[in-house]
PDB file of N, CA and C in Angstrom:
ATOM      1  N   GLN A   1       0.840  -1.181   0.000  1.00  0.00           N
ATOM      2  CA  GLN A   1       0.000   0.000   0.000  1.00  0.00           C
ATOM      3  C   GLN A   1       0.888   1.250   0.000  1.00  0.00           C
ATOM      4  N   VAL A   2       0.633   2.147  -0.923  1.00  0.00           N
ATOM      5  CA  VAL A   2       1.390   3.390  -0.998  1.00  0.00           C
ATOM      6  C   VAL A   2       0.803   4.397  -0.028  1.00  0.00           C
ATOM      7  N   GLN A   3       1.665   5.080   0.692  1.00  0.00           N
ATOM      8  CA  GLN A   3       1.247   6.176   1.560  1.00  0.00           C
ATOM      9  C   GLN A   3       1.926   7.454   1.105  1.00  0.00           C
ATOM     10  N   LEU A   4       1.188   8.553   1.200  1.00  0.00           N
ATOM     11  CA  LEU A   4       1.675   9.850   0.731  1.00  0.00           C
ATOM     12  C   LEU A   4       1.714  10.831   1.892  1.00  0.00           C
ATOM     13  N   VAL A   5       2.806  11.606   1.985  1.00  0.00           N
ATOM     14  CA  VAL A   5       2.946  12.612   3.032  1.00  0.00           C
ATOM     15  C   VAL A   5       3.361  13.927   2.392  1.00  0.00           C
ATOM     16  N   GLU A   6       2.485  14.937   2.521  1.00  0.00           N
ATOM     17  CA  GLU A   6       2.771  16.257   1.968  1.00  0.00           C
ATOM     18  C   GLU A   6       3.457  17.138   3.004  1.00  0.00           C
ATOM     19  N   SER A   7       4.190  18.128   2.513  1.00  0.00           N
ATOM     20  CA  SER A   7       4.790  19.151   3.359  1.00  0.00           C
ATOM     21  C   SER A   7       5.038  20.392   2.525  1.00  0.00           C
ATOM     22  N   GLY A   8       5.383  21.495   3.206  1.00  0.00           N
ATOM     23  CA  GLY A   8       5.759  22.708   2.499  1.00  0.00           C
ATOM     24  C   GLY A   8       4.727  23.818   2.504  1.00  0.00           C
ATOM     25  N   GLY A   9       3.559  23.547   3.054  1.00  0.00           N
ATOM     26  CA  GLY A   9       2.547  24.584   3.120  1.00  0.00           C
ATOM     27  C   GLY A   9       2.906  25.652   4.144  1.00  0.00           C
ATOM     28  N   GLY A  10       2.106  26.715   4.151  1.00  0.00           N
ATOM     29  CA  GLY A  10       2.345  27.792   5.101  1.00  0.00           C
ATOM     30  C   GLY A  10       1.611  29.045   4.709  1.00  0.00           C
ATOM     31  N   LEU A  11       1.983  30.141   5.382  1.00  0.00           N
ATOM     32  CA  LEU A  11       1.402  31.452   5.129  1.00  0.00           C
ATOM     33  C   LEU A  11       2.365  32.258   4.265  1.00  0.00           C
ATOM     34  N   VAL A  12       1.855  32.820   3.180  1.00  0.00           N
ATOM     35  CA  VAL A  12       2.688  33.596   2.277  1.00  0.00           C
ATOM     36  C   VAL A  12       1.894  34.810   1.798  1.00  0.00           C
ATOM     37  N   GLN A  13       2.584  35.889   1.509  1.00  0.00           N
ATOM     38  CA  GLN A  13       1.930  37.090   1.011  1.00  0.00           C
ATOM     39  C   GLN A  13       1.589  36.946  -0.472  1.00  0.00           C
ATOM     40  N   PRO A  14       0.589  37.665  -0.930  1.00  0.00           N
ATOM     41  CA  PRO A  14       0.280  37.648  -2.370  1.00  0.00           C
ATOM     42  C   PRO A  14       1.510  37.989  -3.194  1.00  0.00           C
ATOM     43  N   GLY A  15       1.697  37.234  -4.277  1.00  0.00           N
ATOM     44  CA  GLY A  15       2.871  37.409  -5.113  1.00  0.00           C
ATOM     45  C   GLY A  15       4.042  36.542  -4.702  1.00  0.00           C
ATOM     46  N   GLY A  16       3.945  35.899  -3.561  1.00  0.00           N
ATOM     47  CA  GLY A  16       5.017  35.060  -3.061  1.00  0.00           C
ATOM     48  C   GLY A  16       5.017  33.666  -3.664  1.00  0.00           C
ATOM     49  N   SER A  17       5.933  32.836  -3.160  1.00  0.00           N
ATOM     50  CA  SER A  17       6.108  31.479  -3.687  1.00  0.00           C
ATOM     51  C   SER A  17       6.187  30.468  -2.558  1.00  0.00           C
ATOM     52  N   LEU A  18       5.785  29.253  -2.881  1.00  0.00           N
ATOM     53  CA  LEU A  18       5.942  28.108  -1.995  1.00  0.00           C
ATOM     54  C   LEU A  18       6.235  26.887  -2.848  1.00  0.00           C
ATOM     55  N   ARG A  19       6.925  25.913  -2.267  1.00  0.00           N
ATOM     56  CA  ARG A  19       7.104  24.631  -2.938  1.00  0.00           C
ATOM     57  C   ARG A  19       6.574  23.525  -2.039  1.00  0.00           C
ATOM     58  N   LEU A  20       5.599  22.809  -2.536  1.00  0.00           N
ATOM     59  CA  LEU A  20       5.040  21.668  -1.821  1.00  0.00           C
ATOM     60  C   LEU A  20       5.761  20.394  -2.240  1.00  0.00           C
ATOM     61  N   SER A  21       5.906  19.493  -1.288  1.00  0.00           N
ATOM     62  CA  SER A  21       6.505  18.186  -1.553  1.00  0.00           C
ATOM     63  C   SER A  21       5.550  17.086  -1.124  1.00  0.00           C
ATOM     64  N   CYS A  22       5.611  15.981  -1.832  1.00  0.00           N
ATOM     65  CA  CYS A  22       4.794  14.809  -1.491  1.00  0.00           C
ATOM     66  C   CYS A  22       5.711  13.590  -1.612  1.00  0.00           C
ATOM     67  N   VAL A  23       5.981  12.964  -0.471  1.00  0.00           N
ATOM     68  CA  VAL A  23       6.855  11.794  -0.443  1.00  0.00           C
ATOM     69  C   VAL A  23       5.998  10.540  -0.374  1.00  0.00           C
ATOM     70  N   ALA A  24       6.275   9.609  -1.255  1.00  0.00           N
ATOM     71  CA  ALA A  24       5.523   8.349  -1.309  1.00  0.00           C
ATOM     72  C   ALA A  24       6.351   7.214  -0.731  1.00  0.00           C
ATOM     73  N   SER A  25       5.715   6.405   0.081  1.00  0.00           N
ATOM     74  CA  SER A  25       6.388   5.220   0.589  1.00  0.00           C
ATOM     75  C   SER A  25       6.260   4.101  -0.426  1.00  0.00           C
ATOM     76  N   GLY A  26       7.196   3.175  -0.428  1.00  0.00           N
ATOM     77  CA  GLY A  26       7.109   2.038  -1.327  1.00  0.00           C
ATOM     78  C   GLY A  26       7.831   2.266  -2.637  1.00  0.00           C
ATOM     79  N   SER A  27       8.341   1.216  -3.216  1.00  0.00           N
ATOM     80  CA  SER A  27       9.148   1.319  -4.425  1.00  0.00           C
ATOM     81  C   SER A  27       8.315   1.365  -5.686  1.00  0.00           C
ATOM     82  N   ILE A  28       6.986   1.353  -5.570  1.00  0.00           N
ATOM     83  CA  ILE A  28       6.143   1.353  -6.766  1.00  0.00           C
ATOM     84  C   ILE A  28       5.712   2.752  -7.161  1.00  0.00           C
ATOM     85  N   PHE A  29       6.363   3.750  -6.592  1.00  0.00           N
ATOM     86  CA  PHE A  29       6.026   5.139  -6.901  1.00  0.00           C
ATOM     87  C   PHE A  29       6.049   5.395  -8.402  1.00  0.00           C
ATOM     88  N   GLY A  30       7.015   4.765  -9.082  1.00  0.00           N
ATOM     89  CA  GLY A  30       7.209   5.038 -10.493  1.00  0.00           C
ATOM     90  C   GLY A  30       6.082   4.610 -11.405  1.00  0.00           C
ATOM     91  N   ILE A  31       5.147   3.822 -10.917  1.00  0.00           N
ATOM     92  CA  ILE A  31       4.070   3.358 -11.790  1.00  0.00           C
ATOM     93  C   ILE A  31       2.850   4.274 -11.748  1.00  0.00           C
ATOM     94  N   PHE A  32       2.893   5.277 -10.895  1.00  0.00           N
ATOM     95  CA  PHE A  32       1.715   6.116 -10.720  1.00  0.00           C
ATOM     96  C   PHE A  32       1.833   7.443 -11.454  1.00  0.00           C
ATOM     97  N   THR A  33       0.766   7.801 -12.162  1.00  0.00           N
ATOM     98  CA  THR A  33       0.586   9.206 -12.532  1.00  0.00           C
ATOM     99  C   THR A  33       0.218   9.932 -11.256  1.00  0.00           C
ATOM    100  N   MET A  34       0.902  11.021 -10.972  1.00  0.00           N
ATOM    101  CA  MET A  34       0.688  11.761  -9.738  1.00  0.00           C
ATOM    102  C   MET A  34      -0.031  13.077 -10.021  1.00  0.00           C
ATOM    103  N   ALA A  35      -0.772  13.527  -9.039  1.00  0.00           N
ATOM    104  CA  ALA A  35      -1.522  14.769  -9.212  1.00  0.00           C
ATOM    105  C   ALA A  35      -1.586  15.535  -7.896  1.00  0.00           C
ATOM    106  N   TRP A  36      -1.837  16.812  -8.017  1.00  0.00           N
ATOM    107  CA  TRP A  36      -2.151  17.681  -6.883  1.00  0.00           C
ATOM    108  C   TRP A  36      -3.581  18.173  -7.046  1.00  0.00           C
ATOM    109  N   TYR A  37      -4.285  18.183  -5.926  1.00  0.00           N
ATOM    110  CA  TYR A  37      -5.621  18.737  -5.834  1.00  0.00           C
ATOM    111  C   TYR A  37      -5.620  19.766  -4.709  1.00  0.00           C
ATOM    112  N   ARG A  38      -6.671  20.576  -4.671  1.00  0.00           N
ATOM    113  CA  ARG A  38      -6.814  21.505  -3.550  1.00  0.00           C
ATOM    114  C   ARG A  38      -8.282  21.662  -3.195  1.00  0.00           C
ATOM    115  N   GLN A  39      -8.509  22.032  -1.936  1.00  0.00           N
ATOM    116  CA  GLN A  39      -9.878  22.254  -1.469  1.00  0.00           C
ATOM    117  C   GLN A  39      -9.907  23.477  -0.586  1.00  0.00           C
ATOM    118  N   ALA A  40     -10.637  24.484  -1.041  1.00  0.00           N
ATOM    119  CA  ALA A  40     -10.816  25.712  -0.273  1.00  0.00           C
ATOM    120  C   ALA A  40     -12.028  25.559   0.641  1.00  0.00           C
ATOM    121  N   PRO A  41     -12.095  26.340   1.727  1.00  0.00           N
ATOM    122  CA  PRO A  41     -13.230  26.233   2.647  1.00  0.00           C
ATOM    123  C   PRO A  41     -14.568  26.422   1.936  1.00  0.00           C
ATOM    124  N   GLY A  42     -15.483  25.502   2.160  1.00  0.00           N
ATOM    125  CA  GLY A  42     -16.803  25.607   1.577  1.00  0.00           C
ATOM    126  C   GLY A  42     -16.892  25.244   0.110  1.00  0.00           C
ATOM    127  N   LYS A  43     -15.786  24.768  -0.461  1.00  0.00           N
ATOM    128  CA  LYS A  43     -15.784  24.414  -1.882  1.00  0.00           C
ATOM    129  C   LYS A  43     -15.409  22.945  -2.069  1.00  0.00           C
ATOM    130  N   GLN A  44     -15.725  22.440  -3.261  1.00  0.00           N
ATOM    131  CA  GLN A  44     -15.351  21.067  -3.576  1.00  0.00           C
ATOM    132  C   GLN A  44     -13.857  20.970  -3.885  1.00  0.00           C
ATOM    133  N   ARG A  45     -13.329  19.791  -3.693  1.00  0.00           N
ATOM    134  CA  ARG A  45     -11.930  19.550  -4.042  1.00  0.00           C
ATOM    135  C   ARG A  45     -11.781  19.667  -5.560  1.00  0.00           C
ATOM    136  N   GLU A  46     -10.720  20.355  -6.003  1.00  0.00           N
ATOM    137  CA  GLU A  46     -10.507  20.546  -7.434  1.00  0.00           C
ATOM    138  C   GLU A  46      -9.109  20.115  -7.827  1.00  0.00           C
ATOM    139  N   TRP A  47      -9.022  19.610  -9.048  1.00  0.00           N
ATOM    140  CA  TRP A  47      -7.744  19.187  -9.605  1.00  0.00           C
ATOM    141  C   TRP A  47      -6.899  20.414  -9.931  1.00  0.00           C
ATOM    142  N   VAL A  48      -5.582  20.324  -9.672  1.00  0.00           N
ATOM    143  CA  VAL A  48      -4.657  21.430  -9.916  1.00  0.00           C
ATOM    144  C   VAL A  48      -3.671  21.084 -11.036  1.00  0.00           C
ATOM    145  N   ALA A  49      -3.015  19.925 -10.921  1.00  0.00           N
ATOM    146  CA  ALA A  49      -1.981  19.572 -11.892  1.00  0.00           C
ATOM    147  C   ALA A  49      -1.714  18.077 -11.845  1.00  0.00           C
ATOM    148  N   SER A  50      -1.198  17.538 -12.965  1.00  0.00           N
ATOM    149  CA  SER A  50      -0.842  16.125 -13.049  1.00  0.00           C
ATOM    150  C   SER A  50       0.491  15.962 -13.755  1.00  0.00           C
ATOM    151  N   ILE A  51       1.155  14.836 -13.479  1.00  0.00           N
ATOM    152  CA  ILE A  51       2.412  14.514 -14.147  1.00  0.00           C
ATOM    153  C   ILE A  51       2.445  13.006 -14.393  1.00  0.00           C
ATOM    154  N   ASN A  52       2.912  12.601 -15.579  1.00  0.00           N
ATOM    155  CA  ASN A  52       2.903  11.179 -15.904  1.00  0.00           C
ATOM    156  C   ASN A  52       4.072  10.457 -15.227  1.00  0.00           C
ATOM    157  N   THR A  53       4.144   9.148 -15.448  1.00  0.00           N
ATOM    158  CA  THR A  53       5.114   8.333 -14.715  1.00  0.00           C
ATOM    159  C   THR A  53       6.562   8.719 -15.013  1.00  0.00           C
ATOM    160  N   SER A  54       6.835   9.117 -16.251  1.00  0.00           N
ATOM    161  CA  SER A  54       8.214   9.462 -16.613  1.00  0.00           C
ATOM    162  C   SER A  54       8.529  10.939 -16.382  1.00  0.00           C
ATOM    163  N   GLY A  55       7.513  11.710 -16.060  1.00  0.00           N
ATOM    164  CA  GLY A  55       7.732  13.139 -15.842  1.00  0.00           C
ATOM    165  C   GLY A  55       7.810  13.947 -17.120  1.00  0.00           C
ATOM    166  N   THR A  56       7.481  13.321 -18.245  1.00  0.00           N
ATOM    167  CA  THR A  56       7.610  14.007 -19.524  1.00  0.00           C
ATOM    168  C   THR A  56       6.345  14.741 -19.949  1.00  0.00           C
ATOM    169  N   TYR A  57       5.248  14.471 -19.268  1.00  0.00           N
ATOM    170  CA  TYR A  57       4.001  15.124 -19.630  1.00  0.00           C
ATOM    171  C   TYR A  57       3.354  15.703 -18.379  1.00  0.00           C
ATOM    172  N   THR A  58       2.992  16.981 -18.458  1.00  0.00           N
ATOM    173  CA  THR A  58       2.316  17.648 -17.350  1.00  0.00           C
ATOM    174  C   THR A  58       1.067  18.353 -17.869  1.00  0.00           C
ATOM    175  N   ASN A  59       0.136  18.565 -16.959  1.00  0.00           N
ATOM    176  CA  ASN A  59      -1.102  19.230 -17.323  1.00  0.00           C
ATOM    177  C   ASN A  59      -1.557  20.063 -16.135  1.00  0.00           C
ATOM    178  N   TYR A  60      -2.183  21.201 -16.429  1.00  0.00           N
ATOM    179  CA  TYR A  60      -2.539  22.143 -15.364  1.00  0.00           C
ATOM    180  C   TYR A  60      -3.958  22.670 -15.534  1.00  0.00           C
ATOM    181  N   ALA A  61      -4.568  22.978 -14.400  1.00  0.00           N
ATOM    182  CA  ALA A  61      -5.834  23.706 -14.439  1.00  0.00           C
ATOM    183  C   ALA A  61      -5.573  25.108 -14.959  1.00  0.00           C
ATOM    184  N   ASN A  62      -6.548  25.661 -15.649  1.00  0.00           N
ATOM    185  CA  ASN A  62      -6.373  26.999 -16.228  1.00  0.00           C
ATOM    186  C   ASN A  62      -6.061  28.047 -15.156  1.00  0.00           C
ATOM    187  N   SER A  63      -6.592  27.846 -13.976  1.00  0.00           N
ATOM    188  CA  SER A  63      -6.419  28.836 -12.913  1.00  0.00           C
ATOM    189  C   SER A  63      -4.976  28.932 -12.413  1.00  0.00           C
ATOM    190  N   VAL A  64      -4.158  27.912 -12.673  1.00  0.00           N
ATOM    191  CA  VAL A  64      -2.783  27.932 -12.173  1.00  0.00           C
ATOM    192  C   VAL A  64      -1.755  27.882 -13.294  1.00  0.00           C
ATOM    193  N   LYS A  65      -2.195  27.714 -14.519  1.00  0.00           N
ATOM    194  CA  LYS A  65      -1.280  27.577 -15.655  1.00  0.00           C
ATOM    195  C   LYS A  65      -0.389  28.806 -15.762  1.00  0.00           C
ATOM    196  N   GLY A  66       0.907  28.574 -15.911  1.00  0.00           N
ATOM    197  CA  GLY A  66       1.862  29.664 -16.011  1.00  0.00           C
ATOM    198  C   GLY A  66       2.410  30.126 -14.675  1.00  0.00           C
ATOM    199  N   ARG A  67       1.777  29.679 -13.575  1.00  0.00           N
ATOM    200  CA  ARG A  67       2.237  30.076 -12.231  1.00  0.00           C
ATOM    201  C   ARG A  67       2.754  28.879 -11.429  1.00  0.00           C
ATOM    202  N   PHE A  68       2.158  27.712 -11.642  1.00  0.00           N
ATOM    203  CA  PHE A  68       2.528  26.507 -10.895  1.00  0.00           C
ATOM    204  C   PHE A  68       3.282  25.543 -11.816  1.00  0.00           C
ATOM    205  N   THR A  69       4.206  24.777 -11.208  1.00  0.00           N
ATOM    206  CA  THR A  69       4.941  23.760 -11.946  1.00  0.00           C
ATOM    207  C   THR A  69       4.982  22.475 -11.142  1.00  0.00           C
ATOM    208  N   ILE A  70       4.537  21.391 -11.753  1.00  0.00           N
ATOM    209  CA  ILE A  70       4.603  20.070 -11.111  1.00  0.00           C
ATOM    210  C   ILE A  70       5.815  19.329 -11.649  1.00  0.00           C
ATOM    211  N   SER A  71       6.499  18.610 -10.769  1.00  0.00           N
ATOM    212  CA  SER A  71       7.657  17.817 -11.174  1.00  0.00           C
ATOM    213  C   SER A  71       7.764  16.614 -10.259  1.00  0.00           C
ATOM    214  N   ARG A  72       8.627  15.668 -10.639  1.00  0.00           N
ATOM    215  CA  ARG A  72       8.803  14.475  -9.809  1.00  0.00           C
ATOM    216  C   ARG A  72      10.249  14.035  -9.848  1.00  0.00           C
ATOM    217  N   ASP A  73      10.673  13.432  -8.745  1.00  0.00           N
ATOM    218  CA  ASP A  73      11.999  12.856  -8.621  1.00  0.00           C
ATOM    219  C   ASP A  73      11.799  11.414  -8.184  1.00  0.00           C
ATOM    220  N   SER A  74      11.874  10.499  -9.137  1.00  0.00           N
ATOM    221  CA  SER A  74      11.581   9.103  -8.833  1.00  0.00           C
ATOM    222  C   SER A  74      12.613   8.492  -7.895  1.00  0.00           C
ATOM    223  N   ALA A  75      13.846   8.980  -7.939  1.00  0.00           N
ATOM    224  CA  ALA A  75      14.880   8.459  -7.040  1.00  0.00           C
ATOM    225  C   ALA A  75      14.545   8.762  -5.588  1.00  0.00           C
ATOM    226  N   LYS A  76      13.793   9.848  -5.375  1.00  0.00           N
ATOM    227  CA  LYS A  76      13.402  10.246  -4.030  1.00  0.00           C
ATOM    228  C   LYS A  76      11.946   9.929  -3.729  1.00  0.00           C
ATOM    229  N   ASN A  77      11.260   9.272  -4.674  1.00  0.00           N
ATOM    230  CA  ASN A  77       9.831   8.972  -4.493  1.00  0.00           C
ATOM    231  C   ASN A  77       9.033  10.225  -4.129  1.00  0.00           C
ATOM    232  N   THR A  78       9.337  11.313  -4.792  1.00  0.00           N
ATOM    233  CA  THR A  78       8.760  12.601  -4.415  1.00  0.00           C
ATOM    234  C   THR A  78       8.194  13.331  -5.625  1.00  0.00           C
ATOM    235  N   VAL A  79       7.042  13.958  -5.416  1.00  0.00           N
ATOM    236  CA  VAL A  79       6.474  14.854  -6.414  1.00  0.00           C
ATOM    237  C   VAL A  79       6.384  16.244  -5.788  1.00  0.00           C
ATOM    238  N   TYR A  80       6.627  17.261  -6.593  1.00  0.00           N
ATOM    239  CA  TYR A  80       6.676  18.641  -6.106  1.00  0.00           C
ATOM    240  C   TYR A  80       5.615  19.484  -6.810  1.00  0.00           C
ATOM    241  N   LEU A  81       5.249  20.564  -6.149  1.00  0.00           N
ATOM    242  CA  LEU A  81       4.425  21.591  -6.770  1.00  0.00           C
ATOM    243  C   LEU A  81       5.043  22.944  -6.424  1.00  0.00           C
ATOM    244  N   GLN A  82       5.704  23.528  -7.411  1.00  0.00           N
ATOM    245  CA  GLN A  82       6.270  24.870  -7.240  1.00  0.00           C
ATOM    246  C   GLN A  82       5.177  25.878  -7.560  1.00  0.00           C
ATOM    247  N   MET A  83       4.874  26.736  -6.609  1.00  0.00           N
ATOM    248  CA  MET A  83       3.787  27.707  -6.768  1.00  0.00           C
ATOM    249  C   MET A  83       4.360  29.116  -6.701  1.00  0.00           C
ATOM    250  N   ASN A  84       4.250  29.846  -7.790  1.00  0.00           N
ATOM    251  CA  ASN A  84       4.736  31.223  -7.874  1.00  0.00           C
ATOM    252  C   ASN A  84       3.572  32.180  -8.086  1.00  0.00           C
ATOM    253  N   SER A  85       3.834  33.446  -7.858  1.00  0.00           N
ATOM    254  CA  SER A  85       2.812  34.500  -8.056  1.00  0.00           C
ATOM    255  C   SER A  85       1.502  34.118  -7.377  1.00  0.00           C
ATOM    256  N   LEU A  86       1.601  33.714  -6.141  1.00  0.00           N
ATOM    257  CA  LEU A  86       0.424  33.220  -5.421  1.00  0.00           C
ATOM    258  C   LEU A  86      -0.599  34.332  -5.207  1.00  0.00           C
ATOM    259  N   LYS A  87      -1.868  33.926  -5.242  1.00  0.00           N
ATOM    260  CA  LYS A  87      -2.986  34.833  -5.078  1.00  0.00           C
ATOM    261  C   LYS A  87      -3.821  34.397  -3.876  1.00  0.00           C
ATOM    262  N   PRO A  88      -4.583  35.300  -3.297  1.00  0.00           N
ATOM    263  CA  PRO A  88      -5.446  34.898  -2.171  1.00  0.00           C
ATOM    264  C   PRO A  88      -6.380  33.743  -2.532  1.00  0.00           C
ATOM    265  N   GLU A  89      -6.817  33.683  -3.765  1.00  0.00           N
ATOM    266  CA  GLU A  89      -7.719  32.599  -4.179  1.00  0.00           C
ATOM    267  C   GLU A  89      -7.027  31.245  -4.292  1.00  0.00           C
ATOM    268  N   ASP A  90      -5.708  31.219  -4.125  1.00  0.00           N
ATOM    269  CA  ASP A  90      -4.988  29.941  -4.068  1.00  0.00           C
ATOM    270  C   ASP A  90      -5.032  29.323  -2.672  1.00  0.00           C
ATOM    271  N   THR A  91      -5.570  30.053  -1.718  1.00  0.00           N
ATOM    272  CA  THR A  91      -5.681  29.546  -0.352  1.00  0.00           C
ATOM    273  C   THR A  91      -6.544  28.290  -0.313  1.00  0.00           C
ATOM    274  N   ALA A  92      -5.975  27.214   0.227  1.00  0.00           N
ATOM    275  CA  ALA A  92      -6.676  25.926   0.248  1.00  0.00           C
ATOM    276  C   ALA A  92      -5.802  24.903   0.961  1.00  0.00           C
ATOM    277  N   VAL A  93      -6.379  23.758   1.235  1.00  0.00           N
ATOM    278  CA  VAL A  93      -5.591  22.591   1.628  1.00  0.00           C
ATOM    279  C   VAL A  93      -5.213  21.864   0.345  1.00  0.00           C
ATOM    280  N   TYR A  94      -3.939  21.592   0.183  1.00  0.00           N
ATOM    281  CA  TYR A  94      -3.433  20.945  -1.023  1.00  0.00           C
ATOM    282  C   TYR A  94      -3.151  19.471  -0.727  1.00  0.00           C
ATOM    283  N   TYR A  95      -3.646  18.619  -1.638  1.00  0.00           N
ATOM    284  CA  TYR A  95      -3.531  17.175  -1.458  1.00  0.00           C
ATOM    285  C   TYR A  95      -2.759  16.547  -2.617  1.00  0.00           C
ATOM    286  N   CYS A  96      -1.960  15.582  -2.293  1.00  0.00           N
ATOM    287  CA  CYS A  96      -1.254  14.763  -3.269  1.00  0.00           C
ATOM    288  C   CYS A  96      -2.111  13.531  -3.549  1.00  0.00           C
ATOM    289  N   HIS A  97      -2.139  13.088  -4.809  1.00  0.00           N
ATOM    290  CA  HIS A  97      -3.004  11.973  -5.204  1.00  0.00           C
ATOM    291  C   HIS A  97      -2.251  11.052  -6.137  1.00  0.00           C
ATOM    292  N   ALA A  98      -2.376   9.725  -5.872  1.00  0.00           N
ATOM    293  CA  ALA A  98      -1.701   8.737  -6.707  1.00  0.00           C
ATOM    294  C   ALA A  98      -2.699   7.822  -7.408  1.00  0.00           C
ATOM    295  N   GLY A  99      -3.934   8.284  -7.528  1.00  0.00           N
ATOM    296  CA  GLY A  99      -4.945   7.488  -8.207  1.00  0.00           C
ATOM    297  C   GLY A  99      -5.806   6.714  -7.227  1.00  0.00           C
ATOM    298  N   GLY A 100      -6.997   6.396  -7.631  1.00  0.00           N
ATOM    299  CA  GLY A 100      -7.910   5.644  -6.788  1.00  0.00           C
ATOM    300  C   GLY A 100      -8.159   6.351  -5.474  1.00  0.00           C
ATOM    301  N   ASN A 101      -8.004   5.626  -4.382  1.00  0.00           N
ATOM    302  CA  ASN A 101      -8.217   6.205  -3.054  1.00  0.00           C
ATOM    303  C   ASN A 101      -6.908   6.538  -2.339  1.00  0.00           C
ATOM    304  N   ILE A 102      -5.841   6.698  -3.094  1.00  0.00           N
ATOM    305  CA  ILE A 102      -4.539   6.994  -2.491  1.00  0.00           C
ATOM    306  C   ILE A 102      -4.340   8.509  -2.423  1.00  0.00           C
ATOM    307  N   TRP A 103      -4.527   9.057  -1.226  1.00  0.00           N
ATOM    308  CA  TRP A 103      -4.415  10.495  -0.976  1.00  0.00           C
ATOM    309  C   TRP A 103      -3.474  10.737   0.189  1.00  0.00           C
ATOM    310  N   GLY A 104      -2.822  11.902   0.171  1.00  0.00           N
ATOM    311  CA  GLY A 104      -2.098  12.342   1.337  1.00  0.00           C
ATOM    312  C   GLY A 104      -3.047  13.003   2.313  1.00  0.00           C
ATOM    313  N   GLN A 105      -2.467  13.468   3.433  1.00  0.00           N
ATOM    314  CA  GLN A 105      -3.298  14.070   4.479  1.00  0.00           C
ATOM    315  C   GLN A 105      -3.579  15.540   4.222  1.00  0.00           C
ATOM    316  N   GLY A 106      -2.842  16.135   3.315  1.00  0.00           N
ATOM    317  CA  GLY A 106      -3.046  17.535   2.964  1.00  0.00           C
ATOM    318  C   GLY A 106      -2.104  18.474   3.694  1.00  0.00           C
ATOM    319  N   THR A 107      -1.824  19.604   3.063  1.00  0.00           N
ATOM    320  CA  THR A 107      -1.016  20.659   3.673  1.00  0.00           C
ATOM    321  C   THR A 107      -1.680  21.999   3.375  1.00  0.00           C
ATOM    322  N   GLN A 108      -1.782  22.839   4.398  1.00  0.00           N
ATOM    323  CA  GLN A 108      -2.506  24.111   4.276  1.00  0.00           C
ATOM    324  C   GLN A 108      -1.630  25.172   3.614  1.00  0.00           C
ATOM    325  N   VAL A 109      -2.189  25.833   2.634  1.00  0.00           N
ATOM    326  CA  VAL A 109      -1.558  26.990   2.006  1.00  0.00           C
ATOM    327  C   VAL A 109      -2.479  28.190   2.203  1.00  0.00           C
ATOM    328  N   THR A 110      -1.954  29.246   2.805  1.00  0.00           N
ATOM    329  CA  THR A 110      -2.723  30.461   3.041  1.00  0.00           C
ATOM    330  C   THR A 110      -1.984  31.633   2.404  1.00  0.00           C
ATOM    331  N   VAL A 111      -2.678  32.329   1.507  1.00  0.00           N
ATOM    332  CA  VAL A 111      -2.102  33.488   0.833  1.00  0.00           C
ATOM    333  C   VAL A 111      -2.843  34.724   1.329  1.00  0.00           C
ATOM    334  N   SER A 112      -2.128  35.528   2.096  1.00  0.00           N
ATOM    335  CA  SER A 112      -2.776  36.680   2.722  1.00  0.00           C
ATOM    336  C   SER A 112      -1.732  37.710   3.108  1.00  0.00           C
ATOM    337  N   SER A 113      -2.142  38.970   3.057  1.00  0.00           N
ATOM    338  CA  SER A 113      -1.248  40.037   3.495  1.00  0.00           C
ATOM    339  C   SER A 113      -1.507  40.384   4.960  1.00  0.00           C
TER     340      SER A 113
END
């Protein structure tokens, strides 16, 4: 069973940057397409970005395209989300997802002055 642990969230001012990390346990990390989702208070969880198993293909929600970058390091069993030019509307709990019911516990990102 794969387990995911996110880190890197926090409080940042508008226009700032954060990098989220998601570490996966188990050597089968390389077989999963990985994704980041987020859920703001009172809203449904929404997809943010995805990356394929080899890291050669990425896809982004329109709301973050050009500001966020997803990447993965298979040697470290880790997927990252680099978030630049953050906006207050990016405030949410961010979750790592490896497909099916495999989710991390989430990390809070708050963008506020």
